[in-house]
Amino acid sequence: MILVVGGTGELGGRAVRLLREHGHQVRCLVRPETDDATLDQLGATVVRGDLTDPPSLSPACHGIDTVVATVNPGCTRRKSARPKP
């Protein structure tokens, strides 16, 4: 089983699609508030969690042989709370 972190993003979604087309079992770590409909349509298993929440990682990693990480921790879709200079 392959774990894809960032599977709802553009690059991660492409990775999931290619892996599934080649017959691989894929599990995706997806944040609780994120829409997983596309991953479901591709036949990927979704586990809800977040890289910033260590207890949520154990269920995502159970039985995983390979991890594909397409997330960029320096970027976020949420607006920053810091004021602009």
PDB file of N, CA and C in Angstrom:
ATOM      1  N   MET A   1       0.862  -1.186   0.000  1.00  0.00           N
ATOM      2  CA  MET A   1       0.000   0.000   0.000  1.00  0.00           C
ATOM      3  C   MET A   1       0.895   1.231   0.000  1.00  0.00           C
ATOM      4  N   ILE A   2       0.499   2.222  -0.795  1.00  0.00           N
ATOM      5  CA  ILE A   2       1.234   3.478  -0.916  1.00  0.00           C
ATOM      6  C   ILE A   2       0.416   4.591  -0.272  1.00  0.00           C
ATOM      7  N   LEU A   3       1.066   5.370   0.576  1.00  0.00           N
ATOM      8  CA  LEU A   3       0.429   6.536   1.188  1.00  0.00           C
ATOM      9  C   LEU A   3       0.821   7.771   0.403  1.00  0.00           C
ATOM     10  N   VAL A   4      -0.169   8.530  -0.056  1.00  0.00           N
ATOM     11  CA  VAL A   4       0.092   9.805  -0.716  1.00  0.00           C
ATOM     12  C   VAL A   4      -0.376  10.914   0.215  1.00  0.00           C
ATOM     13  N   VAL A   5       0.566  11.782   0.570  1.00  0.00           N
ATOM     14  CA  VAL A   5       0.255  12.951   1.393  1.00  0.00           C
ATOM     15  C   VAL A   5       0.215  14.135   0.438  1.00  0.00           C
ATOM     16  N   GLY A   6      -0.924  14.794   0.364  1.00  0.00           N
ATOM     17  CA  GLY A   6      -1.093  15.886  -0.588  1.00  0.00           C
ATOM     18  C   GLY A   6      -1.853  15.453  -1.827  1.00  0.00           C
ATOM     19  N   GLY A   7      -2.610  14.368  -1.725  1.00  0.00           N
ATOM     20  CA  GLY A   7      -3.323  13.814  -2.866  1.00  0.00           C
ATOM     21  C   GLY A   7      -4.452  14.676  -3.412  1.00  0.00           C
ATOM     22  N   THR A   8      -4.888  15.682  -2.669  1.00  0.00           N
ATOM     23  CA  THR A   8      -5.944  16.554  -3.177  1.00  0.00           C
ATOM     24  C   THR A   8      -5.386  17.744  -3.954  1.00  0.00           C
ATOM     25  N   GLY A   9      -4.070  17.886  -3.950  1.00  0.00           N
ATOM     26  CA  GLY A   9      -3.439  18.958  -4.712  1.00  0.00           C
ATOM     27  C   GLY A   9      -3.220  18.545  -6.153  1.00  0.00           C
ATOM     28  N   GLU A  10      -2.697  19.465  -6.948  1.00  0.00           N
ATOM     29  CA  GLU A  10      -2.496  19.195  -8.373  1.00  0.00           C
ATOM     30  C   GLU A  10      -1.481  18.076  -8.600  1.00  0.00           C
ATOM     31  N   LEU A  11      -0.303  18.188  -8.027  1.00  0.00           N
ATOM     32  CA  LEU A  11       0.729  17.171  -8.214  1.00  0.00           C
ATOM     33  C   LEU A  11       0.329  15.858  -7.546  1.00  0.00           C
ATOM     34  N   GLY A  12      -0.163  15.940  -6.306  1.00  0.00           N
ATOM     35  CA  GLY A  12      -0.578  14.733  -5.596  1.00  0.00           C
ATOM     36  C   GLY A  12      -1.714  14.011  -6.294  1.00  0.00           C
ATOM     37  N   GLY A  13      -2.647  14.768  -6.853  1.00  0.00           N
ATOM     38  CA  GLY A  13      -3.751  14.167  -7.588  1.00  0.00           C
ATOM     39  C   GLY A  13      -3.265  13.414  -8.817  1.00  0.00           C
ATOM     40  N   ARG A  14      -2.266  13.971  -9.484  1.00  0.00           N
ATOM     41  CA  ARG A  14      -1.684  13.278 -10.638  1.00  0.00           C
ATOM     42  C   ARG A  14      -1.003  11.992 -10.203  1.00  0.00           C
ATOM     43  N   ALA A  15      -0.291  12.054  -9.072  1.00  0.00           N
ATOM     44  CA  ALA A  15       0.384  10.858  -8.556  1.00  0.00           C
ATOM     45  C   ALA A  15      -0.630   9.771  -8.224  1.00  0.00           C
ATOM     46  N   VAL A  16      -1.709  10.148  -7.545  1.00  0.00           N
ATOM     47  CA  VAL A  16      -2.752   9.175  -7.197  1.00  0.00           C
ATOM     48  C   VAL A  16      -3.336   8.551  -8.461  1.00  0.00           C
ATOM     49  N   ARG A  17      -3.657   9.374  -9.428  1.00  0.00           N
ATOM     50  CA  ARG A  17      -4.246   8.888 -10.679  1.00  0.00           C
ATOM     51  C   ARG A  17      -3.320   7.880 -11.367  1.00  0.00           C
ATOM     52  N   LEU A  18      -2.043   8.209 -11.486  1.00  0.00           N
ATOM     53  CA  LEU A  18      -1.085   7.314 -12.138  1.00  0.00           C
ATOM     54  C   LEU A  18      -0.896   6.017 -11.354  1.00  0.00           C
ATOM     55  N   LEU A  19      -0.793   6.138 -10.054  1.00  0.00           N
ATOM     56  CA  LEU A  19      -0.629   4.940  -9.224  1.00  0.00           C
ATOM     57  C   LEU A  19      -1.831   4.005  -9.366  1.00  0.00           C
ATOM     58  N   ARG A  20      -3.029   4.565  -9.343  1.00  0.00           N
ATOM     59  CA  ARG A  20      -4.242   3.746  -9.468  1.00  0.00           C
ATOM     60  C   ARG A  20      -4.322   3.140 -10.873  1.00  0.00           C
ATOM     61  N   GLU A  21      -3.949   3.888 -11.903  1.00  0.00           N
ATOM     62  CA  GLU A  21      -3.964   3.357 -13.275  1.00  0.00           C
ATOM     63  C   GLU A  21      -3.025   2.164 -13.418  1.00  0.00           C
ATOM     64  N   HIS A  22      -1.976   2.146 -12.600  1.00  0.00           N
ATOM     65  CA  HIS A  22      -1.020   1.035 -12.645  1.00  0.00           C
ATOM     66  C   HIS A  22      -1.357  -0.052 -11.619  1.00  0.00           C
ATOM     67  N   GLY A  23      -2.537   0.021 -11.036  1.00  0.00           N
ATOM     68  CA  GLY A  23      -3.032  -1.035 -10.160  1.00  0.00           C
ATOM     69  C   GLY A  23      -2.566  -1.011  -8.724  1.00  0.00           C
ATOM     70  N   HIS A  24      -1.948   0.080  -8.293  1.00  0.00           N
ATOM     71  CA  HIS A  24      -1.473   0.167  -6.917  1.00  0.00           C
ATOM     72  C   HIS A  24      -2.608   0.503  -5.956  1.00  0.00           C
ATOM     73  N   GLN A  25      -2.526  -0.049  -4.758  1.00  0.00           N
ATOM     74  CA  GLN A  25      -3.437   0.344  -3.691  1.00  0.00           C
ATOM     75  C   GLN A  25      -2.906   1.645  -3.117  1.00  0.00           C
ATOM     76  N   VAL A  26      -3.782   2.640  -3.004  1.00  0.00           N
ATOM     77  CA  VAL A  26      -3.366   3.968  -2.567  1.00  0.00           C
ATOM     78  C   VAL A  26      -4.230   4.422  -1.400  1.00  0.00           C
ATOM     79  N   ARG A  27      -3.570   4.940  -0.382  1.00  0.00           N
ATOM     80  CA  ARG A  27      -4.248   5.591   0.744  1.00  0.00           C
ATOM     81  C   ARG A  27      -3.779   7.037   0.749  1.00  0.00           C
ATOM     82  N   CYS A  28      -4.691   7.958   1.026  1.00  0.00           N
ATOM     83  CA  CYS A  28      -4.346   9.382   1.057  1.00  0.00           C
ATOM     84  C   CYS A  28      -4.643   9.969   2.424  1.00  0.00           C
ATOM     85  N   LEU A  29      -3.684  10.707   2.951  1.00  0.00           N
ATOM     86  CA  LEU A  29      -3.901  11.482   4.167  1.00  0.00           C
ATOM     87  C   LEU A  29      -4.520  12.806   3.737  1.00  0.00           C
ATOM     88  N   VAL A  30      -5.727  13.068   4.231  1.00  0.00           N
ATOM     89  CA  VAL A  30      -6.492  14.245   3.806  1.00  0.00           C
ATOM     90  C   VAL A  30      -6.964  14.998   5.039  1.00  0.00           C
ATOM     91  N   ARG A  31      -6.797  16.303   5.025  1.00  0.00           N
ATOM     92  CA  ARG A  31      -7.262  17.125   6.149  1.00  0.00           C
ATOM     93  C   ARG A  31      -8.771  17.010   6.310  1.00  0.00           C
ATOM     94  N   PRO A  32      -9.250  17.103   7.556  1.00  0.00           N
ATOM     95  CA  PRO A  32     -10.684  16.910   7.821  1.00  0.00           C
ATOM     96  C   PRO A  32     -11.611  17.797   6.999  1.00  0.00           C
ATOM     97  N   GLU A  33     -11.198  19.003   6.688  1.00  0.00           N
ATOM     98  CA  GLU A  33     -12.088  19.941   5.986  1.00  0.00           C
ATOM     99  C   GLU A  33     -11.971  19.860   4.463  1.00  0.00           C
ATOM    100  N   THR A  34     -11.139  18.974   3.959  1.00  0.00           N
ATOM    101  CA  THR A  34     -10.869  18.912   2.525  1.00  0.00           C
ATOM    102  C   THR A  34     -11.803  17.946   1.807  1.00  0.00           C
ATOM    103  N   ASP A  35     -12.266  18.338   0.625  1.00  0.00           N
ATOM    104  CA  ASP A  35     -13.136  17.502  -0.209  1.00  0.00           C
ATOM    105  C   ASP A  35     -12.318  16.348  -0.795  1.00  0.00           C
ATOM    106  N   ASP A  36     -12.801  15.128  -0.600  1.00  0.00           N
ATOM    107  CA  ASP A  36     -12.076  13.946  -1.073  1.00  0.00           C
ATOM    108  C   ASP A  36     -12.800  13.215  -2.205  1.00  0.00           C
ATOM    109  N   ALA A  37     -13.780  13.852  -2.822  1.00  0.00           N
ATOM    110  CA  ALA A  37     -14.610  13.198  -3.840  1.00  0.00           C
ATOM    111  C   ALA A  37     -13.787  12.658  -5.009  1.00  0.00           C
ATOM    112  N   THR A  38     -12.810  13.407  -5.478  1.00  0.00           N
ATOM    113  CA  THR A  38     -11.992  12.955  -6.605  1.00  0.00           C
ATOM    114  C   THR A  38     -11.183  11.723  -6.226  1.00  0.00           C
ATOM    115  N   LEU A  39     -10.621  11.717  -5.034  1.00  0.00           N
ATOM    116  CA  LEU A  39      -9.845  10.561  -4.578  1.00  0.00           C
ATOM    117  C   LEU A  39     -10.733   9.329  -4.472  1.00  0.00           C
ATOM    118  N   ASP A  40     -11.936   9.537  -3.988  1.00  0.00           N
ATOM    119  CA  ASP A  40     -12.894   8.433  -3.877  1.00  0.00           C
ATOM    120  C   ASP A  40     -13.214   7.870  -5.261  1.00  0.00           C
ATOM    121  N   GLN A  41     -13.418   8.742  -6.229  1.00  0.00           N
ATOM    122  CA  GLN A  41     -13.711   8.306  -7.601  1.00  0.00           C
ATOM    123  C   GLN A  41     -12.546   7.523  -8.210  1.00  0.00           C
ATOM    124  N   LEU A  42     -11.333   7.854  -7.800  1.00  0.00           N
ATOM    125  CA  LEU A  42     -10.152   7.155  -8.307  1.00  0.00           C
ATOM    126  C   LEU A  42      -9.932   5.812  -7.611  1.00  0.00           C
ATOM    127  N   GLY A  43     -10.663   5.576  -6.528  1.00  0.00           N
ATOM    128  CA  GLY A  43     -10.521   4.316  -5.808  1.00  0.00           C
ATOM    129  C   GLY A  43      -9.481   4.340  -4.716  1.00  0.00           C
ATOM    130  N   ALA A  44      -9.049   5.521  -4.321  1.00  0.00           N
ATOM    131  CA  ALA A  44      -8.091   5.646  -3.220  1.00  0.00           C
ATOM    132  C   ALA A  44      -8.838   5.601  -1.893  1.00  0.00           C
ATOM    133  N   THR A  45      -8.177   5.057  -0.894  1.00  0.00           N
ATOM    134  CA  THR A  45      -8.722   5.062   0.466  1.00  0.00           C
ATOM    135  C   THR A  45      -8.309   6.366   1.128  1.00  0.00           C
ATOM    136  N   VAL A  46      -9.226   7.009   1.821  1.00  0.00           N
ATOM    137  CA  VAL A  46      -8.945   8.286   2.471  1.00  0.00           C
ATOM    138  C   VAL A  46      -8.898   8.093   3.982  1.00  0.00           C
ATOM    139  N   VAL A  47      -7.846   8.641   4.592  1.00  0.00           N
ATOM    140  CA  VAL A  47      -7.728   8.687   6.041  1.00  0.00           C
ATOM    141  C   VAL A  47      -7.640  10.159   6.408  1.00  0.00           C
ATOM    142  N   ARG A  48      -8.491  10.591   7.310  1.00  0.00           N
ATOM    143  CA  ARG A  48      -8.497  12.004   7.727  1.00  0.00           C
ATOM    144  C   ARG A  48      -7.410  12.249   8.759  1.00  0.00           C
ATOM    145  N   GLY A  49      -6.654  13.306   8.554  1.00  0.00           N
ATOM    146  CA  GLY A  49      -5.606  13.681   9.487  1.00  0.00           C
ATOM    147  C   GLY A  49      -4.860  14.886   8.962  1.00  0.00           C
ATOM    148  N   ASP A  50      -3.767  15.209   9.648  1.00  0.00           N
ATOM    149  CA  ASP A  50      -2.990  16.389   9.284  1.00  0.00           C
ATOM    150  C   ASP A  50      -1.551  16.155   9.724  1.00  0.00           C
ATOM    151  N   LEU A  51      -0.601  16.586   8.915  1.00  0.00           N
ATOM    152  CA  LEU A  51       0.805  16.438   9.276  1.00  0.00           C
ATOM    153  C   LEU A  51       1.160  17.161  10.562  1.00  0.00           C
ATOM    154  N   THR A  52       0.401  18.179  10.925  1.00  0.00           N
ATOM    155  CA  THR A  52       0.661  18.917  12.158  1.00  0.00           C
ATOM    156  C   THR A  52      -0.004  18.272  13.372  1.00  0.00           C
ATOM    157  N   ASP A  53      -0.685  17.150  13.177  1.00  0.00           N
ATOM    158  CA  ASP A  53      -1.372  16.422  14.248  1.00  0.00           C
ATOM    159  C   ASP A  53      -0.803  15.007  14.334  1.00  0.00           C
ATOM    160  N   PRO A  54       0.313  14.817  15.048  1.00  0.00           N
ATOM    161  CA  PRO A  54       0.985  13.516  15.091  1.00  0.00           C
ATOM    162  C   PRO A  54       0.081  12.320  15.407  1.00  0.00           C
ATOM    163  N   PRO A  55      -0.886  12.403  16.326  1.00  0.00           N
ATOM    164  CA  PRO A  55      -1.731  11.229  16.574  1.00  0.00           C
ATOM    165  C   PRO A  55      -2.544  10.782  15.357  1.00  0.00           C
ATOM    166  N   SER A  56      -2.804  11.672  14.412  1.00  0.00           N
ATOM    167  CA  SER A  56      -3.580  11.305  13.226  1.00  0.00           C
ATOM    168  C   SER A  56      -2.735  10.559  12.192  1.00  0.00           C
ATOM    169  N   LEU A  57      -1.424  10.540  12.368  1.00  0.00           N
ATOM    170  CA  LEU A  57      -0.546   9.917  11.388  1.00  0.00           C
ATOM    171  C   LEU A  57      -0.463   8.404  11.528  1.00  0.00           C
ATOM    172  N   SER A  58      -0.636   7.904  12.735  1.00  0.00           N
ATOM    173  CA  SER A  58      -0.532   6.455  12.950  1.00  0.00           C
ATOM    174  C   SER A  58      -1.533   5.665  12.107  1.00  0.00           C
ATOM    175  N   PRO A  59      -2.831   6.021  12.112  1.00  0.00           N
ATOM    176  CA  PRO A  59      -3.776   5.283  11.262  1.00  0.00           C
ATOM    177  C   PRO A  59      -3.447   5.411   9.774  1.00  0.00           C
ATOM    178  N   ALA A  60      -2.932   6.557   9.369  1.00  0.00           N
ATOM    179  CA  ALA A  60      -2.599   6.758   7.958  1.00  0.00           C
ATOM    180  C   ALA A  60      -1.427   5.875   7.532  1.00  0.00           C
ATOM    181  N   CYS A  61      -0.485   5.656   8.441  1.00  0.00           N
ATOM    182  CA  CYS A  61       0.743   4.932   8.101  1.00  0.00           C
ATOM    183  C   CYS A  61       0.664   3.426   8.334  1.00  0.00           C
ATOM    184  N   HIS A  62      -0.361   2.947   8.997  1.00  0.00           N
ATOM    185  CA  HIS A  62      -0.470   1.517   9.296  1.00  0.00           C
ATOM    186  C   HIS A  62      -0.512   0.682   8.008  1.00  0.00           C
ATOM    187  N   GLY A  63       0.451  -0.237   7.859  1.00  0.00           N
ATOM    188  CA  GLY A  63       0.488  -1.122   6.700  1.00  0.00           C
ATOM    189  C   GLY A  63       1.038  -0.498   5.429  1.00  0.00           C
ATOM    190  N   ILE A  64       1.634   0.666   5.537  1.00  0.00           N
ATOM    191  CA  ILE A  64       2.164   1.379   4.372  1.00  0.00           C
ATOM    192  C   ILE A  64       3.591   0.922   4.072  1.00  0.00           C
ATOM    193  N   ASP A  65       3.866   0.681   2.788  1.00  0.00           N
ATOM    194  CA  ASP A  65       5.205   0.311   2.344  1.00  0.00           C
ATOM    195  C   ASP A  65       5.987   1.506   1.812  1.00  0.00           C
ATOM    196  N   THR A  66       5.268   2.451   1.206  1.00  0.00           N
ATOM    197  CA  THR A  66       5.901   3.588   0.527  1.00  0.00           C
ATOM    198  C   THR A  66       5.086   4.846   0.810  1.00  0.00           C
ATOM    199  N   VAL A  67       5.793   5.962   0.997  1.00  0.00           N
ATOM    200  CA  VAL A  67       5.127   7.252   1.189  1.00  0.00           C
ATOM    201  C   VAL A  67       5.537   8.187   0.058  1.00  0.00           C
ATOM    202  N   VAL A  68       4.543   8.805  -0.564  1.00  0.00           N
ATOM    203  CA  VAL A  68       4.768   9.839  -1.572  1.00  0.00           C
ATOM    204  C   VAL A  68       4.245  11.132  -0.966  1.00  0.00           C
ATOM    205  N   ALA A  69       5.146  12.082  -0.719  1.00  0.00           N
ATOM    206  CA  ALA A  69       4.751  13.344  -0.101  1.00  0.00           C
ATOM    207  C   ALA A  69       4.831  14.460  -1.131  1.00  0.00           C
ATOM    208  N   THR A  70       3.693  15.050  -1.445  1.00  0.00           N
ATOM    209  CA  THR A  70       3.651  16.133  -2.423  1.00  0.00           C
ATOM    210  C   THR A  70       3.227  17.446  -1.768  1.00  0.00           C
ATOM    211  N   VAL A  71       3.262  17.479  -0.444  1.00  0.00           N
ATOM    212  CA  VAL A  71       2.882  18.693   0.268  1.00  0.00           C
ATOM    213  C   VAL A  71       4.082  19.606   0.407  1.00  0.00           C
ATOM    214  N   ASN A  72       3.802  20.888   0.523  1.00  0.00           N
ATOM    215  CA  ASN A  72       4.835  21.885   0.753  1.00  0.00           C
ATOM    216  C   ASN A  72       4.492  22.579   2.060  1.00  0.00           C
ATOM    217  N   PRO A  73       5.218  22.277   3.143  1.00  0.00           N
ATOM    218  CA  PRO A  73       4.866  22.852   4.438  1.00  0.00           C
ATOM    219  C   PRO A  73       5.017  24.367   4.496  1.00  0.00           C
ATOM    220  N   GLY A  74       5.700  24.958   3.530  1.00  0.00           N
ATOM    221  CA  GLY A  74       5.861  26.401   3.504  1.00  0.00           C
ATOM    222  C   GLY A  74       4.677  27.123   2.888  1.00  0.00           C
ATOM    223  N   CYS A  75       3.767  26.379   2.300  1.00  0.00           N
ATOM    224  CA  CYS A  75       2.599  26.973   1.650  1.00  0.00           C
ATOM    225  C   CYS A  75       1.338  26.535   2.363  1.00  0.00           C
ATOM    226  N   THR A  76       0.372  27.385   2.360  1.00  0.00           N
ATOM    227  CA  THR A  76      -0.919  27.045   2.934  1.00  0.00           C
ATOM    228  C   THR A  76      -2.005  27.706   2.126  1.00  0.00           C
ATOM    229  N   ARG A  77      -3.164  27.101   2.113  1.00  0.00           N
ATOM    230  CA  ARG A  77      -4.294  27.698   1.396  1.00  0.00           C
ATOM    231  C   ARG A  77      -5.016  28.713   2.269  1.00  0.00           C
ATOM    232  N   ARG A  78      -4.730  28.660   3.542  1.00  0.00           N
ATOM    233  CA  ARG A  78      -5.367  29.602   4.465  1.00  0.00           C
ATOM    234  C   ARG A  78      -4.631  30.928   4.433  1.00  0.00           C
ATOM    235  N   LYS A  79      -5.349  32.016   4.620  1.00  0.00           N
ATOM    236  CA  LYS A  79      -4.727  33.327   4.643  1.00  0.00           C
ATOM    237  C   LYS A  79      -3.968  33.502   5.943  1.00  0.00           C
ATOM    238  N   SER A  80      -2.825  34.128   5.848  1.00  0.00           N
ATOM    239  CA  SER A  80      -1.990  34.358   7.009  1.00  0.00           C
ATOM    240  C   SER A  80      -2.640  35.378   7.936  1.00  0.00           C
ATOM    241  N   ALA A  81      -2.435  35.187   9.220  1.00  0.00           N
ATOM    242  CA  ALA A  81      -2.978  36.126  10.207  1.00  0.00           C
ATOM    243  C   ALA A  81      -2.024  37.313  10.383  1.00  0.00           C
ATOM    244  N   ARG A  82      -0.806  37.210   9.824  1.00  0.00           N
ATOM    245  CA  ARG A  82       0.151  38.286   9.963  1.00  0.00           C
ATOM    246  C   ARG A  82      -0.222  39.457   9.062  1.00  0.00           C
ATOM    247  N   PRO A  83      -0.101  40.658   9.598  1.00  0.00           N
ATOM    248  CA  PRO A  83      -0.387  41.833   8.755  1.00  0.00           C
ATOM    249  C   PRO A  83       0.684  42.001   7.686  1.00  0.00           C
ATOM    250  N   LYS A  84       0.292  42.520   6.548  1.00  0.00           N
ATOM    251  CA  LYS A  84       1.239  42.792   5.468  1.00  0.00           C
ATOM    252  C   LYS A  84       2.016  44.045   5.793  1.00  0.00           C
ATOM    253  N   PRO A  85       3.312  44.054   5.428  1.00  0.00           N
ATOM    254  CA  PRO A  85       4.143  45.251   5.714  1.00  0.00           C
ATOM    255  C   PRO A  85       3.731  46.442   4.906  1.00  0.00           C
TER     256      PRO A  85
END
